[in-house]
Amino acid sequence: MSHMGADLEQLASLRASLLQQSQVIEQLSATVRQQLGTTTWHGPAADRFRAAWGSDFEPSLRRLQAAMQEAGMEVGRRRDALLQAGG
């Protein structure tokens, strides 16, 4: 038989942290995207970085952001379920 339970205050803190950090990732992505769009930078290194940003880095950040947001929402749902069950 498995044991289930959690500290509700810690779950609330975890939820808030996951959601906050997902926004930090979104801001990071937006900042770099904006800077790349307005920075004069030409040459092979610029081309490589822009290509990697568009094909690898930004999509990876978006996946991480979405995963953290979903995890935060799931932690919130679990906390709510425990509250309804009486802790």
PDB file of N, CA and C in Angstrom:
ATOM      1  N   MET A   1       0.834  -1.169   0.000  1.00  0.00           N
ATOM      2  CA  MET A   1       0.000   0.000   0.000  1.00  0.00           C
ATOM      3  C   MET A   1       0.888   1.244   0.000  1.00  0.00           C
ATOM      4  N   SER A   2       0.584   2.185  -0.880  1.00  0.00           N
ATOM      5  CA  SER A   2       1.394   3.388  -0.949  1.00  0.00           C
ATOM      6  C   SER A   2       0.840   4.454  -0.020  1.00  0.00           C
ATOM      7  N   HIS A   3       1.699   5.332   0.398  1.00  0.00           N
ATOM      8  CA  HIS A   3       1.343   6.429   1.287  1.00  0.00           C
ATOM      9  C   HIS A   3       1.172   7.684   0.447  1.00  0.00           C
ATOM     10  N   MET A   4       0.092   8.411   0.669  1.00  0.00           N
ATOM     11  CA  MET A   4      -0.144   9.648  -0.061  1.00  0.00           C
ATOM     12  C   MET A   4      -0.387  10.774   0.925  1.00  0.00           C
ATOM     13  N   GLY A   5       0.076  11.941   0.572  1.00  0.00           N
ATOM     14  CA  GLY A   5      -0.119  13.120   1.407  1.00  0.00           C
ATOM     15  C   GLY A   5       0.912  14.169   1.059  1.00  0.00           C
ATOM     16  N   ALA A   6       0.762  15.324   1.603  1.00  0.00           N
ATOM     17  CA  ALA A   6       1.699  16.411   1.334  1.00  0.00           C
ATOM     18  C   ALA A   6       1.448  17.542   2.319  1.00  0.00           C
ATOM     19  N   ASP A   7       2.437  18.394   2.448  1.00  0.00           N
ATOM     20  CA  ASP A   7       2.298  19.610   3.223  1.00  0.00           C
ATOM     21  C   ASP A   7       1.647  20.641   2.301  1.00  0.00           C
ATOM     22  N   LEU A   8       0.439  21.078   2.640  1.00  0.00           N
ATOM     23  CA  LEU A   8      -0.329  21.953   1.760  1.00  0.00           C
ATOM     24  C   LEU A   8       0.352  23.295   1.539  1.00  0.00           C
ATOM     25  N   GLU A   9       0.995  23.819   2.574  1.00  0.00           N
ATOM     26  CA  GLU A   9       1.700  25.090   2.438  1.00  0.00           C
ATOM     27  C   GLU A   9       2.891  24.943   1.483  1.00  0.00           C
ATOM     28  N   GLN A  10       3.612  23.836   1.599  1.00  0.00           N
ATOM     29  CA  GLN A  10       4.738  23.600   0.699  1.00  0.00           C
ATOM     30  C   GLN A  10       4.257  23.412  -0.736  1.00  0.00           C
ATOM     31  N   LEU A  11       3.122  22.741  -0.930  1.00  0.00           N
ATOM     32  CA  LEU A  11       2.581  22.594  -2.276  1.00  0.00           C
ATOM     33  C   LEU A  11       2.213  23.949  -2.871  1.00  0.00           C
ATOM     34  N   ALA A  12       1.625  24.815  -2.066  1.00  0.00           N
ATOM     35  CA  ALA A  12       1.278  26.153  -2.548  1.00  0.00           C
ATOM     36  C   ALA A  12       2.541  26.915  -2.948  1.00  0.00           C
ATOM     37  N   SER A  13       3.582  26.780  -2.172  1.00  0.00           N
ATOM     38  CA  SER A  13       4.847  27.451  -2.477  1.00  0.00           C
ATOM     39  C   SER A  13       5.474  26.881  -3.750  1.00  0.00           C
ATOM     40  N   LEU A  14       5.449  25.568  -3.895  1.00  0.00           N
ATOM     41  CA  LEU A  14       5.977  24.920  -5.090  1.00  0.00           C
ATOM     42  C   LEU A  14       5.213  25.363  -6.326  1.00  0.00           C
ATOM     43  N   ARG A  15       3.899  25.398  -6.226  1.00  0.00           N
ATOM     44  CA  ARG A  15       3.060  25.838  -7.339  1.00  0.00           C
ATOM     45  C   ARG A  15       3.440  27.252  -7.759  1.00  0.00           C
ATOM     46  N   ALA A  16       3.530  28.137  -6.789  1.00  0.00           N
ATOM     47  CA  ALA A  16       3.871  29.528  -7.080  1.00  0.00           C
ATOM     48  C   ALA A  16       5.250  29.637  -7.717  1.00  0.00           C
ATOM     49  N   SER A  17       6.197  28.885  -7.220  1.00  0.00           N
ATOM     50  CA  SER A  17       7.555  28.924  -7.756  1.00  0.00           C
ATOM     51  C   SER A  17       7.592  28.418  -9.194  1.00  0.00           C
ATOM     52  N   LEU A  18       6.926  27.305  -9.467  1.00  0.00           N
ATOM     53  CA  LEU A  18       6.904  26.764 -10.829  1.00  0.00           C
ATOM     54  C   LEU A  18       6.270  27.748 -11.808  1.00  0.00           C
ATOM     55  N   LEU A  19       5.159  28.346 -11.414  1.00  0.00           N
ATOM     56  CA  LEU A  19       4.490  29.296 -12.296  1.00  0.00           C
ATOM     57  C   LEU A  19       5.330  30.563 -12.485  1.00  0.00           C
ATOM     58  N   GLN A  20       5.962  31.039 -11.416  1.00  0.00           N
ATOM     59  CA  GLN A  20       6.808  32.227 -11.513  1.00  0.00           C
ATOM     60  C   GLN A  20       8.010  31.956 -12.424  1.00  0.00           C
ATOM     61  N   GLN A  21       8.642  30.821 -12.244  1.00  0.00           N
ATOM     62  CA  GLN A  21       9.818  30.509 -13.055  1.00  0.00           C
ATOM     63  C   GLN A  21       9.454  30.271 -14.523  1.00  0.00           C
ATOM     64  N   SER A  22       8.247  29.779 -14.776  1.00  0.00           N
ATOM     65  CA  SER A  22       7.825  29.631 -16.170  1.00  0.00           C
ATOM     66  C   SER A  22       7.729  31.007 -16.822  1.00  0.00           C
ATOM     67  N   GLN A  23       7.322  32.013 -16.059  1.00  0.00           N
ATOM     68  CA  GLN A  23       7.269  33.374 -16.587  1.00  0.00           C
ATOM     69  C   GLN A  23       8.668  33.948 -16.797  1.00  0.00           C
ATOM     70  N   VAL A  24       9.606  33.596 -15.929  1.00  0.00           N
ATOM     71  CA  VAL A  24      10.992  34.031 -16.105  1.00  0.00           C
ATOM     72  C   VAL A  24      11.544  33.476 -17.417  1.00  0.00           C
ATOM     73  N   ILE A  25      11.240  32.222 -17.697  1.00  0.00           N
ATOM     74  CA  ILE A  25      11.697  31.607 -18.943  1.00  0.00           C
ATOM     75  C   ILE A  25      11.070  32.307 -20.141  1.00  0.00           C
ATOM     76  N   GLU A  26       9.792  32.627 -20.053  1.00  0.00           N
ATOM     77  CA  GLU A  26       9.117  33.353 -21.134  1.00  0.00           C
ATOM     78  C   GLU A  26       9.766  34.717 -21.345  1.00  0.00           C
ATOM     79  N   GLN A  27      10.074  35.418 -20.265  1.00  0.00           N
ATOM     80  CA  GLN A  27      10.720  36.727 -20.374  1.00  0.00           C
ATOM     81  C   GLN A  27      12.113  36.601 -20.991  1.00  0.00           C
ATOM     82  N   LEU A  28      12.853  35.589 -20.601  1.00  0.00           N
ATOM     83  CA  LEU A  28      14.183  35.346 -21.156  1.00  0.00           C
ATOM     84  C   LEU A  28      14.092  35.142 -22.668  1.00  0.00           C
ATOM     85  N   SER A  29      13.188  34.290 -23.064  1.00  0.00           N
ATOM     86  CA  SER A  29      13.002  34.002 -24.486  1.00  0.00           C
ATOM     87  C   SER A  29      12.615  35.261 -25.261  1.00  0.00           C
ATOM     88  N   ALA A  30      11.680  36.009 -24.736  1.00  0.00           N
ATOM     89  CA  ALA A  30      11.230  37.233 -25.404  1.00  0.00           C
ATOM     90  C   ALA A  30      12.354  38.258 -25.497  1.00  0.00           C
ATOM     91  N   THR A  31      13.146  38.388 -24.446  1.00  0.00           N
ATOM     92  CA  THR A  31      14.245  39.345 -24.443  1.00  0.00           C
ATOM     93  C   THR A  31      15.292  38.993 -25.496  1.00  0.00           C
ATOM     94  N   VAL A  32      15.681  37.729 -25.532  1.00  0.00           N
ATOM     95  CA  VAL A  32      16.683  37.311 -26.515  1.00  0.00           C
ATOM     96  C   VAL A  32      16.129  37.457 -27.931  1.00  0.00           C
ATOM     97  N   ARG A  33      14.892  37.047 -28.147  1.00  0.00           N
ATOM     98  CA  ARG A  33      14.263  37.176 -29.463  1.00  0.00           C
ATOM     99  C   ARG A  33      14.268  38.632 -29.911  1.00  0.00           C
ATOM    100  N   GLN A  34      13.884  39.538 -29.018  1.00  0.00           N
ATOM    101  CA  GLN A  34      13.837  40.963 -29.338  1.00  0.00           C
ATOM    102  C   GLN A  34      15.240  41.493 -29.641  1.00  0.00           C
ATOM    103  N   GLN A  35      16.197  41.127 -28.815  1.00  0.00           N
ATOM    104  CA  GLN A  35      17.573  41.587 -29.023  1.00  0.00           C
ATOM    105  C   GLN A  35      18.132  41.081 -30.349  1.00  0.00           C
ATOM    106  N   LEU A  36      17.873  39.830 -30.667  1.00  0.00           N
ATOM    107  CA  LEU A  36      18.353  39.295 -31.943  1.00  0.00           C
ATOM    108  C   LEU A  36      17.743  40.042 -33.123  1.00  0.00           C
ATOM    109  N   GLY A  37      16.487  40.435 -32.976  1.00  0.00           N
ATOM    110  CA  GLY A  37      15.813  41.142 -34.053  1.00  0.00           C
ATOM    111  C   GLY A  37      16.295  42.566 -34.256  1.00  0.00           C
ATOM    112  N   THR A  38      16.884  43.155 -33.240  1.00  0.00           N
ATOM    113  CA  THR A  38      17.285  44.561 -33.341  1.00  0.00           C
ATOM    114  C   THR A  38      18.803  44.767 -33.320  1.00  0.00           C
ATOM    115  N   THR A  39      19.556  43.683 -33.217  1.00  0.00           N
ATOM    116  CA  THR A  39      21.019  43.788 -33.167  1.00  0.00           C
ATOM    117  C   THR A  39      21.605  43.603 -34.554  1.00  0.00           C
ATOM    118  N   THR A  40      22.451  44.543 -34.943  1.00  0.00           N
ATOM    119  CA  THR A  40      23.185  44.402 -36.195  1.00  0.00           C
ATOM    120  C   THR A  40      24.343  43.451 -35.936  1.00  0.00           C
ATOM    121  N   TRP A  41      24.275  42.286 -36.568  1.00  0.00           N
ATOM    122  CA  TRP A  41      25.309  41.263 -36.383  1.00  0.00           C
ATOM    123  C   TRP A  41      25.274  40.395 -37.619  1.00  0.00           C
ATOM    124  N   HIS A  42      26.353  40.390 -38.358  1.00  0.00           N
ATOM    125  CA  HIS A  42      26.423  39.640 -39.608  1.00  0.00           C
ATOM    126  C   HIS A  42      27.612  38.695 -39.577  1.00  0.00           C
ATOM    127  N   GLY A  43      27.515  37.644 -40.344  1.00  0.00           N
ATOM    128  CA  GLY A  43      28.619  36.702 -40.470  1.00  0.00           C
ATOM    129  C   GLY A  43      28.210  35.302 -40.085  1.00  0.00           C
ATOM    130  N   PRO A  44      29.138  34.370 -40.268  1.00  0.00           N
ATOM    131  CA  PRO A  44      28.836  32.956 -40.010  1.00  0.00           C
ATOM    132  C   PRO A  44      28.416  32.671 -38.562  1.00  0.00           C
ATOM    133  N   ALA A  45      29.080  33.308 -37.609  1.00  0.00           N
ATOM    134  CA  ALA A  45      28.721  33.065 -36.198  1.00  0.00           C
ATOM    135  C   ALA A  45      27.311  33.564 -35.922  1.00  0.00           C
ATOM    136  N   ALA A  46      26.972  34.723 -36.447  1.00  0.00           N
ATOM    137  CA  ALA A  46      25.615  35.264 -36.270  1.00  0.00           C
ATOM    138  C   ALA A  46      24.589  34.352 -36.910  1.00  0.00           C
ATOM    139  N   ASP A  47      24.888  33.899 -38.118  1.00  0.00           N
ATOM    140  CA  ASP A  47      23.970  32.999 -38.820  1.00  0.00           C
ATOM    141  C   ASP A  47      23.775  31.698 -38.043  1.00  0.00           C
ATOM    142  N   ARG A  48      24.883  31.145 -37.532  1.00  0.00           N
ATOM    143  CA  ARG A  48      24.792  29.893 -36.755  1.00  0.00           C
ATOM    144  C   ARG A  48      23.958  30.087 -35.495  1.00  0.00           C
ATOM    145  N   PHE A  49      24.226  31.197 -34.776  1.00  0.00           N
ATOM    146  CA  PHE A  49      23.483  31.406 -33.535  1.00  0.00           C
ATOM    147  C   PHE A  49      22.003  31.634 -33.816  1.00  0.00           C
ATOM    148  N   ARG A  50      21.692  32.458 -34.788  1.00  0.00           N
ATOM    149  CA  ARG A  50      20.281  32.706 -35.108  1.00  0.00           C
ATOM    150  C   ARG A  50      19.578  31.425 -35.544  1.00  0.00           C
ATOM    151  N   ALA A  51      20.261  30.608 -36.335  1.00  0.00           N
ATOM    152  CA  ALA A  51      19.671  29.334 -36.759  1.00  0.00           C
ATOM    153  C   ALA A  51      19.457  28.414 -35.554  1.00  0.00           C
ATOM    154  N   ALA A  52      20.456  28.339 -34.682  1.00  0.00           N
ATOM    155  CA  ALA A  52      20.329  27.495 -33.487  1.00  0.00           C
ATOM    156  C   ALA A  52      19.250  28.032 -32.554  1.00  0.00           C
ATOM    157  N   TRP A  53      19.171  29.355 -32.438  1.00  0.00           N
ATOM    158  CA  TRP A  53      18.137  29.949 -31.596  1.00  0.00           C
ATOM    159  C   TRP A  53      16.752  29.535 -32.097  1.00  0.00           C
ATOM    160  N   GLY A  54      16.543  29.676 -33.387  1.00  0.00           N
ATOM    161  CA  GLY A  54      15.228  29.380 -33.948  1.00  0.00           C
ATOM    162  C   GLY A  54      14.878  27.908 -33.990  1.00  0.00           C
ATOM    163  N   SER A  55      15.876  27.051 -34.187  1.00  0.00           N
ATOM    164  CA  SER A  55      15.577  25.625 -34.339  1.00  0.00           C
ATOM    165  C   SER A  55      15.747  24.817 -33.055  1.00  0.00           C
ATOM    166  N   ASP A  56      16.604  25.287 -32.150  1.00  0.00           N
ATOM    167  CA  ASP A  56      16.900  24.500 -30.945  1.00  0.00           C
ATOM    168  C   ASP A  56      16.593  25.234 -29.641  1.00  0.00           C
ATOM    169  N   PHE A  57      17.260  26.374 -29.451  1.00  0.00           N
ATOM    170  CA  PHE A  57      17.216  27.027 -28.143  1.00  0.00           C
ATOM    171  C   PHE A  57      15.828  27.536 -27.770  1.00  0.00           C
ATOM    172  N   GLU A  58      15.235  28.348 -28.631  1.00  0.00           N
ATOM    173  CA  GLU A  58      13.922  28.899 -28.283  1.00  0.00           C
ATOM    174  C   GLU A  58      12.852  27.814 -28.163  1.00  0.00           C
ATOM    175  N   PRO A  59      12.788  26.840 -29.081  1.00  0.00           N
ATOM    176  CA  PRO A  59      11.796  25.768 -28.882  1.00  0.00           C
ATOM    177  C   PRO A  59      12.023  24.989 -27.580  1.00  0.00           C
ATOM    178  N   SER A  60      13.276  24.770 -27.210  1.00  0.00           N
ATOM    179  CA  SER A  60      13.559  24.081 -25.942  1.00  0.00           C
ATOM    180  C   SER A  60      13.091  24.901 -24.751  1.00  0.00           C
ATOM    181  N   LEU A  61      13.337  26.204 -24.800  1.00  0.00           N
ATOM    182  CA  LEU A  61      12.866  27.077 -23.717  1.00  0.00           C
ATOM    183  C   LEU A  61      11.343  27.074 -23.648  1.00  0.00           C
ATOM    184  N   ARG A  62      10.681  27.085 -24.794  1.00  0.00           N
ATOM    185  CA  ARG A  62       9.214  27.062 -24.810  1.00  0.00           C
ATOM    186  C   ARG A  62       8.672  25.754 -24.228  1.00  0.00           C
ATOM    187  N   ARG A  63       9.321  24.648 -24.554  1.00  0.00           N
ATOM    188  CA  ARG A  63       8.896  23.363 -23.970  1.00  0.00           C
ATOM    189  C   ARG A  63       9.094  23.364 -22.464  1.00  0.00           C
ATOM    190  N   LEU A  64      10.234  23.873 -22.000  1.00  0.00           N
ATOM    191  CA  LEU A  64      10.494  23.952 -20.562  1.00  0.00           C
ATOM    192  C   LEU A  64       9.476  24.858 -19.885  1.00  0.00           C
ATOM    193  N   GLN A  65       9.188  26.000 -20.490  1.00  0.00           N
ATOM    194  CA  GLN A  65       8.212  26.939 -19.939  1.00  0.00           C
ATOM    195  C   GLN A  65       6.844  26.283 -19.823  1.00  0.00           C
ATOM    196  N   ALA A  66       6.422  25.596 -20.880  1.00  0.00           N
ATOM    197  CA  ALA A  66       5.119  24.925 -20.860  1.00  0.00           C
ATOM    198  C   ALA A  66       5.092  23.799 -19.825  1.00  0.00           C
ATOM    199  N   ALA A  67       6.184  23.051 -19.719  1.00  0.00           N
ATOM    200  CA  ALA A  67       6.240  21.947 -18.745  1.00  0.00           C
ATOM    201  C   ALA A  67       6.174  22.478 -17.316  1.00  0.00           C
ATOM    202  N   MET A  68       6.858  23.573 -17.047  1.00  0.00           N
ATOM    203  CA  MET A  68       6.823  24.139 -15.698  1.00  0.00           C
ATOM    204  C   MET A  68       5.450  24.715 -15.383  1.00  0.00           C
ATOM    205  N   GLN A  69       4.826  25.333 -16.370  1.00  0.00           N
ATOM    206  CA  GLN A  69       3.484  25.865 -16.160  1.00  0.00           C
ATOM    207  C   GLN A  69       2.500  24.730 -15.888  1.00  0.00           C
ATOM    208  N   GLU A  70       2.578  23.673 -16.666  1.00  0.00           N
ATOM    209  CA  GLU A  70       1.689  22.524 -16.457  1.00  0.00           C
ATOM    210  C   GLU A  70       1.953  21.870 -15.102  1.00  0.00           C
ATOM    211  N   ALA A  71       3.230  21.754 -14.736  1.00  0.00           N
ATOM    212  CA  ALA A  71       3.562  21.172 -13.433  1.00  0.00           C
ATOM    213  C   ALA A  71       2.993  22.026 -12.302  1.00  0.00           C
ATOM    214  N   GLY A  72       3.094  23.334 -12.433  1.00  0.00           N
ATOM    215  CA  GLY A  72       2.533  24.215 -11.419  1.00  0.00           C
ATOM    216  C   GLY A  72       1.033  24.049 -11.288  1.00  0.00           C
ATOM    217  N   MET A  73       0.360  23.943 -12.431  1.00  0.00           N
ATOM    218  CA  MET A  73      -1.094  23.750 -12.395  1.00  0.00           C
ATOM    219  C   MET A  73      -1.451  22.388 -11.798  1.00  0.00           C
ATOM    220  N   GLU A  74      -0.662  21.368 -12.113  1.00  0.00           N
ATOM    221  CA  GLU A  74      -0.925  20.037 -11.561  1.00  0.00           C
ATOM    222  C   GLU A  74      -0.712  20.023 -10.044  1.00  0.00           C
ATOM    223  N   VAL A  75       0.343  20.662  -9.585  1.00  0.00           N
ATOM    224  CA  VAL A  75       0.573  20.759  -8.134  1.00  0.00           C
ATOM    225  C   VAL A  75      -0.617  21.455  -7.477  1.00  0.00           C
ATOM    226  N   GLY A  76      -1.124  22.499  -8.115  1.00  0.00           N
ATOM    227  CA  GLY A  76      -2.307  23.188  -7.578  1.00  0.00           C
ATOM    228  C   GLY A  76      -3.522  22.284  -7.522  1.00  0.00           C
ATOM    229  N   ARG A  77      -3.721  21.491  -8.573  1.00  0.00           N
ATOM    230  CA  ARG A  77      -4.853  20.552  -8.568  1.00  0.00           C
ATOM    231  C   ARG A  77      -4.703  19.511  -7.467  1.00  0.00           C
ATOM    232  N   ARG A  78      -3.504  19.012  -7.269  1.00  0.00           N
ATOM    233  CA  ARG A  78      -3.255  18.010  -6.204  1.00  0.00           C
ATOM    234  C   ARG A  78      -3.496  18.625  -4.830  1.00  0.00           C
ATOM    235  N   ARG A  79      -3.041  19.852  -4.653  1.00  0.00           N
ATOM    236  CA  ARG A  79      -3.269  20.537  -3.375  1.00  0.00           C
ATOM    237  C   ARG A  79      -4.761  20.702  -3.129  1.00  0.00           C
ATOM    238  N   ASP A  80      -5.503  21.141  -4.154  1.00  0.00           N
ATOM    239  CA  ASP A  80      -6.935  21.316  -4.011  1.00  0.00           C
ATOM    240  C   ASP A  80      -7.626  20.001  -3.668  1.00  0.00           C
ATOM    241  N   ALA A  81      -7.190  18.915  -4.304  1.00  0.00           N
ATOM    242  CA  ALA A  81      -7.778  17.605  -4.021  1.00  0.00           C
ATOM    243  C   ALA A  81      -7.517  17.194  -2.576  1.00  0.00           C
ATOM    244  N   LEU A  82      -6.323  17.452  -2.087  1.00  0.00           N
ATOM    245  CA  LEU A  82      -6.018  17.118  -0.695  1.00  0.00           C
ATOM    246  C   LEU A  82      -6.841  17.968   0.270  1.00  0.00           C
ATOM    247  N   LEU A  83      -7.010  19.236  -0.082  1.00  0.00           N
ATOM    248  CA  LEU A  83      -7.857  20.099   0.768  1.00  0.00           C
ATOM    249  C   LEU A  83      -9.282  19.572   0.829  1.00  0.00           C
ATOM    250  N   GLN A  84      -9.808  19.157  -0.296  1.00  0.00           N
ATOM    251  CA  GLN A  84     -11.174  18.650  -0.341  1.00  0.00           C
ATOM    252  C   GLN A  84     -11.308  17.323   0.404  1.00  0.00           C
ATOM    253  N   ALA A  85     -10.233  16.549   0.408  1.00  0.00           N
ATOM    254  CA  ALA A  85     -10.236  15.264   1.101  1.00  0.00           C
ATOM    255  C   ALA A  85      -9.999  15.420   2.590  1.00  0.00           C
ATOM    256  N   GLY A  86      -9.676  16.635   3.010  1.00  0.00           N
ATOM    257  CA  GLY A  86      -9.476  16.854   4.436  1.00  0.00           C
ATOM    258  C   GLY A  86      -8.024  16.851   4.856  1.00  0.00           C
ATOM    259  N   GLY A  87      -7.105  17.059   3.870  1.00  0.00           N
ATOM    260  CA  GLY A  87      -5.693  17.193   4.182  1.00  0.00           C
ATOM    261  C   GLY A  87      -5.020  15.882   4.232  1.00  0.00           C
TER     262      GLY A  87
END
